[in-house]
Amino acid sequence: MARMYAKRKGKSGSTKPHGQDLPEWSNTDKSAVEEIVLELHSAGHSTAMIGTILRDQHSVPDARRVLGQRIGQFIASSGKPGTYPEDMMNLMRKVVRLIEHLGVNHKDLHNNRALVLTEAKIRRLAKYYVCEGTIPAGWQYKRDQVRLMVE
């Protein structure tokens, strides 16, 4: 997500090569990959970590081509999504770390501002996810309850 209150742009990402076919050495068994994805999700891994494990340990260079959809979409369609979306949960974990840091370092103004900006991102995402129906309509971000939501 780009910074709203800075003149910088967002982070750039890498692009996938244009080839359509998977290499012959790759694992293209859809049922086996689905089973591995569900096992890794139940073990508590994020979708990015699941993709990395599939690439490094199970010879699946692109899970999206094997499954026909993204890993997060597959997990949601299998009926086992998390309580909160993954990007929002990562931001809440970041807030918990910043609150712990500011508890020890009271005068750290830079991280205090980072906390304010991160909380603003959470509120913007919450507004989006309430409109999408992903989280309940009455949900609101509260700093004192964020640690309970993350754990």
C-alpha atoms as a PDB file:
ATOM      1  CA  MET A   1       0.000   0.000   0.000  1.00  0.00           C
ATOM      2  CA  ALA A   2       1.412   3.394  -0.948  1.00  0.00           C
ATOM      3  CA  ARG A   3       1.997   6.053   1.660  1.00  0.00           C
ATOM      4  CA  MET A   4      -0.771   8.640   1.784  1.00  0.00           C
ATOM      5  CA  TYR A   5       1.180  11.292   3.662  1.00  0.00           C
ATOM      6  CA  ALA A   6       4.491  11.110   1.834  1.00  0.00           C
ATOM      7  CA  LYS A   7       5.607  12.029  -1.655  1.00  0.00           C
ATOM      8  CA  ARG A   8       7.009   8.553  -2.250  1.00  0.00           C
ATOM      9  CA  LYS A   9       5.290   5.859  -4.235  1.00  0.00           C
ATOM     10  CA  GLY A  10       4.467   2.357  -3.075  1.00  0.00           C
ATOM     11  CA  LYS A  11       6.741  -0.637  -3.211  1.00  0.00           C
ATOM     12  CA  SER A  12       7.285  -2.122  -6.623  1.00  0.00           C
ATOM     13  CA  GLY A  13       6.855  -5.840  -7.094  1.00  0.00           C
ATOM     14  CA  SER A  14       8.360  -8.437  -9.347  1.00  0.00           C
ATOM     15  CA  THR A  15       6.534  -9.779 -12.364  1.00  0.00           C
ATOM     16  CA  LYS A  16       6.090 -13.392 -13.412  1.00  0.00           C
ATOM     17  CA  PRO A  17       7.579 -14.610 -16.698  1.00  0.00           C
ATOM     18  CA  HIS A  18       5.205 -14.856 -19.652  1.00  0.00           C
ATOM     19  CA  GLY A  19       5.520 -18.599 -20.209  1.00  0.00           C
ATOM     20  CA  GLN A  20       2.238 -20.465 -19.976  1.00  0.00           C
ATOM     21  CA  ASP A  21       3.465 -24.023 -19.452  1.00  0.00           C
ATOM     22  CA  LEU A  22       4.895 -25.403 -16.244  1.00  0.00           C
ATOM     23  CA  PRO A  23       8.291 -27.130 -16.518  1.00  0.00           C
ATOM     24  CA  GLU A  24       8.282 -30.918 -16.831  1.00  0.00           C
ATOM     25  CA  TRP A  25      10.097 -31.316 -13.506  1.00  0.00           C
ATOM     26  CA  SER A  26       7.325 -29.523 -11.582  1.00  0.00           C
ATOM     27  CA  ASN A  27       4.629 -31.177  -9.502  1.00  0.00           C
ATOM     28  CA  THR A  28       1.340 -30.672 -11.383  1.00  0.00           C
ATOM     29  CA  ASP A  29      -0.859 -33.092  -9.435  1.00  0.00           C
ATOM     30  CA  LYS A  30      -3.736 -30.828  -8.398  1.00  0.00           C
ATOM     31  CA  SER A  31      -5.141 -33.046  -5.635  1.00  0.00           C
ATOM     32  CA  ALA A  32      -1.707 -33.498  -4.015  1.00  0.00           C
ATOM     33  CA  VAL A  33      -1.043 -29.745  -4.091  1.00  0.00           C
ATOM     34  CA  GLU A  34      -4.499 -29.023  -2.633  1.00  0.00           C
ATOM     35  CA  GLU A  35      -3.819 -31.455   0.203  1.00  0.00           C
ATOM     36  CA  ILE A  36      -0.423 -29.860   0.932  1.00  0.00           C
ATOM     37  CA  VAL A  37      -1.926 -26.352   0.919  1.00  0.00           C
ATOM     38  CA  LEU A  38      -4.644 -27.340   3.403  1.00  0.00           C
ATOM     39  CA  GLU A  39      -2.092 -29.065   5.672  1.00  0.00           C
ATOM     40  CA  LEU A  40       0.163 -25.998   5.668  1.00  0.00           C
ATOM     41  CA  HIS A  41      -2.781 -23.666   6.311  1.00  0.00           C
ATOM     42  CA  SER A  42      -3.940 -25.764   9.260  1.00  0.00           C
ATOM     43  CA  ALA A  43      -0.360 -25.625  10.590  1.00  0.00           C
ATOM     44  CA  GLY A  44      -0.709 -21.828  10.714  1.00  0.00           C
ATOM     45  CA  HIS A  45       1.354 -20.706   7.721  1.00  0.00           C
ATOM     46  CA  SER A  46       0.437 -17.586   5.749  1.00  0.00           C
ATOM     47  CA  THR A  47      -0.397 -17.786   2.057  1.00  0.00           C
ATOM     48  CA  ALA A  48       2.961 -16.282   1.108  1.00  0.00           C
ATOM     49  CA  MET A  49       4.775 -18.841   3.246  1.00  0.00           C
ATOM     50  CA  ILE A  50       2.681 -21.640   1.753  1.00  0.00           C
ATOM     51  CA  GLY A  51       3.722 -20.535  -1.737  1.00  0.00           C
ATOM     52  CA  THR A  52       7.376 -20.438  -0.701  1.00  0.00           C
ATOM     53  CA  ILE A  53       7.206 -23.913   0.856  1.00  0.00           C
ATOM     54  CA  LEU A  54       5.484 -25.288  -2.247  1.00  0.00           C
ATOM     55  CA  ARG A  55       8.195 -23.777  -4.427  1.00  0.00           C
ATOM     56  CA  ASP A  56      11.182 -24.847  -2.325  1.00  0.00           C
ATOM     57  CA  GLN A  57      10.167 -28.228  -0.924  1.00  0.00           C
ATOM     58  CA  HIS A  58       7.458 -29.619  -3.221  1.00  0.00           C
ATOM     59  CA  SER A  59       8.647 -28.445  -6.682  1.00  0.00           C
ATOM     60  CA  VAL A  60       5.598 -26.321  -7.490  1.00  0.00           C
ATOM     61  CA  PRO A  61       6.951 -23.147  -9.139  1.00  0.00           C
ATOM     62  CA  ASP A  62       3.518 -21.520  -9.504  1.00  0.00           C
ATOM     63  CA  ALA A  63       0.670 -22.761  -7.328  1.00  0.00           C
ATOM     64  CA  ARG A  64      -1.816 -20.546  -9.128  1.00  0.00           C
ATOM     65  CA  ARG A  65      -1.310 -22.406 -12.407  1.00  0.00           C
ATOM     66  CA  VAL A  66      -1.719 -25.791 -10.722  1.00  0.00           C
ATOM     67  CA  LEU A  67      -4.742 -24.890  -8.567  1.00  0.00           C
ATOM     68  CA  GLY A  68      -6.430 -22.615 -11.102  1.00  0.00           C
ATOM     69  CA  GLN A  69      -6.783 -19.877  -8.482  1.00  0.00           C
ATOM     70  CA  ARG A  70      -4.709 -18.075  -5.890  1.00  0.00           C
ATOM     71  CA  ILE A  71      -3.776 -19.842  -2.658  1.00  0.00           C
ATOM     72  CA  GLY A  72      -5.908 -17.487  -0.562  1.00  0.00           C
ATOM     73  CA  GLN A  73      -8.901 -17.978  -2.843  1.00  0.00           C
ATOM     74  CA  PHE A  74      -8.477 -21.752  -2.656  1.00  0.00           C
ATOM     75  CA  ILE A  75      -8.349 -21.664   1.157  1.00  0.00           C
ATOM     76  CA  ALA A  76     -11.468 -19.491   1.262  1.00  0.00           C
ATOM     77  CA  SER A  77     -13.313 -21.768  -1.180  1.00  0.00           C
ATOM     78  CA  SER A  78     -12.373 -24.836   0.868  1.00  0.00           C
ATOM     79  CA  GLY A  79     -14.281 -23.329   3.793  1.00  0.00           C
ATOM     80  CA  LYS A  80     -11.340 -22.721   6.119  1.00  0.00           C
ATOM     81  CA  PRO A  81     -10.548 -18.984   5.930  1.00  0.00           C
ATOM     82  CA  GLY A  82      -9.187 -17.072   8.908  1.00  0.00           C
ATOM     83  CA  THR A  83     -11.285 -14.756  11.044  1.00  0.00           C
ATOM     84  CA  TYR A  84      -9.642 -11.664   9.532  1.00  0.00           C
ATOM     85  CA  PRO A  85      -8.066 -11.110   6.117  1.00  0.00           C
ATOM     86  CA  GLU A  86      -4.347 -11.776   6.016  1.00  0.00           C
ATOM     87  CA  ASP A  87      -3.238  -8.239   5.119  1.00  0.00           C
ATOM     88  CA  MET A  88      -5.274  -6.786   7.964  1.00  0.00           C
ATOM     89  CA  MET A  89      -3.912  -9.365  10.405  1.00  0.00           C
ATOM     90  CA  ASN A  90      -0.330  -8.496   9.393  1.00  0.00           C
ATOM     91  CA  LEU A  91      -1.026  -4.824  10.077  1.00  0.00           C
ATOM     92  CA  MET A  92      -2.508  -5.685  13.479  1.00  0.00           C
ATOM     93  CA  ARG A  93       0.586  -7.722  14.345  1.00  0.00           C
ATOM     94  CA  LYS A  94       2.698  -4.718  13.379  1.00  0.00           C
ATOM     95  CA  VAL A  95       0.611  -2.500  15.680  1.00  0.00           C
ATOM     96  CA  VAL A  96       1.150  -4.914  18.579  1.00  0.00           C
ATOM     97  CA  ARG A  97       4.923  -4.800  18.010  1.00  0.00           C
ATOM     98  CA  LEU A  98       4.887  -0.997  17.831  1.00  0.00           C
ATOM     99  CA  ILE A  99       2.836  -0.710  21.031  1.00  0.00           C
ATOM    100  CA  GLU A 100       5.279  -3.003  22.850  1.00  0.00           C
ATOM    101  CA  HIS A 101       8.205  -0.936  21.546  1.00  0.00           C
ATOM    102  CA  LEU A 102       6.605   2.350  22.572  1.00  0.00           C
ATOM    103  CA  GLY A 103       5.897   0.943  26.030  1.00  0.00           C
ATOM    104  CA  VAL A 104       9.661   0.753  26.585  1.00  0.00           C
ATOM    105  CA  ASN A 105      10.743   3.736  24.460  1.00  0.00           C
ATOM    106  CA  HIS A 106       8.303   6.521  25.304  1.00  0.00           C
ATOM    107  CA  LYS A 107      10.143   9.258  23.403  1.00  0.00           C
ATOM    108  CA  ASP A 108      10.397   7.452  20.074  1.00  0.00           C
ATOM    109  CA  LEU A 109       8.465   9.924  17.939  1.00  0.00           C
ATOM    110  CA  HIS A 110       9.170   8.216  14.612  1.00  0.00           C
ATOM    111  CA  ASN A 111       7.619   4.940  15.697  1.00  0.00           C
ATOM    112  CA  ASN A 112       4.754   6.814  17.324  1.00  0.00           C
ATOM    113  CA  ARG A 113       3.968   8.291  13.911  1.00  0.00           C
ATOM    114  CA  ALA A 114       4.376   4.844  12.328  1.00  0.00           C
ATOM    115  CA  LEU A 115       1.803   3.549  14.808  1.00  0.00           C
ATOM    116  CA  VAL A 116      -0.652   6.294  13.871  1.00  0.00           C
ATOM    117  CA  LEU A 117      -0.186   5.630  10.138  1.00  0.00           C
ATOM    118  CA  THR A 118      -0.545   1.871  10.572  1.00  0.00           C
ATOM    119  CA  GLU A 119      -3.751   2.310  12.554  1.00  0.00           C
ATOM    120  CA  ALA A 120      -5.066   4.555   9.775  1.00  0.00           C
ATOM    121  CA  LYS A 121      -4.315   1.790   7.261  1.00  0.00           C
ATOM    122  CA  ILE A 122      -6.234  -0.682   9.418  1.00  0.00           C
ATOM    123  CA  ARG A 123      -9.242   1.629   9.567  1.00  0.00           C
ATOM    124  CA  ARG A 124      -9.207   2.113   5.781  1.00  0.00           C
ATOM    125  CA  LEU A 125      -8.957  -1.646   5.215  1.00  0.00           C
ATOM    126  CA  ALA A 126     -11.748  -2.251   7.734  1.00  0.00           C
ATOM    127  CA  LYS A 127     -14.017   0.126   5.845  1.00  0.00           C
ATOM    128  CA  TYR A 128     -13.288  -1.784   2.630  1.00  0.00           C
ATOM    129  CA  TYR A 129     -13.794  -5.225   4.183  1.00  0.00           C
ATOM    130  CA  VAL A 130     -17.070  -4.167   5.845  1.00  0.00           C
ATOM    131  CA  CYS A 131     -18.362  -3.093   2.414  1.00  0.00           C
ATOM    132  CA  GLU A 132     -17.186  -6.422   0.942  1.00  0.00           C
ATOM    133  CA  GLY A 133     -18.852  -8.379   3.760  1.00  0.00           C
ATOM    134  CA  THR A 134     -15.617 -10.051   4.847  1.00  0.00           C
ATOM    135  CA  ILE A 135     -15.827  -8.742   8.413  1.00  0.00           C
ATOM    136  CA  PRO A 136     -19.017  -7.909  10.368  1.00  0.00           C
ATOM    137  CA  ALA A 137     -20.691  -4.545   9.783  1.00  0.00           C
ATOM    138  CA  GLY A 138     -20.293  -3.290  13.346  1.00  0.00           C
ATOM    139  CA  TRP A 139     -16.575  -4.021  13.563  1.00  0.00           C
ATOM    140  CA  GLN A 140     -14.333  -1.182  14.711  1.00  0.00           C
ATOM    141  CA  TYR A 141     -10.630  -1.014  15.432  1.00  0.00           C
ATOM    142  CA  LYS A 142      -9.754  -0.498  19.105  1.00  0.00           C
ATOM    143  CA  ARG A 143      -6.148  -0.199  20.222  1.00  0.00           C
ATOM    144  CA  ASP A 144      -6.727  -1.851  23.590  1.00  0.00           C
ATOM    145  CA  GLN A 145      -8.314  -4.945  21.992  1.00  0.00           C
ATOM    146  CA  VAL A 146      -5.862  -5.459  19.122  1.00  0.00           C
ATOM    147  CA  ARG A 147      -3.666  -7.841  21.143  1.00  0.00           C
ATOM    148  CA  LEU A 148      -6.675 -10.123  21.740  1.00  0.00           C
ATOM    149  CA  MET A 149      -7.539 -10.152  18.039  1.00  0.00           C
ATOM    150  CA  VAL A 150      -3.985 -11.121  17.022  1.00  0.00           C
ATOM    151  CA  GLU A 151      -3.605 -13.967  19.526  1.00  0.00           C
END
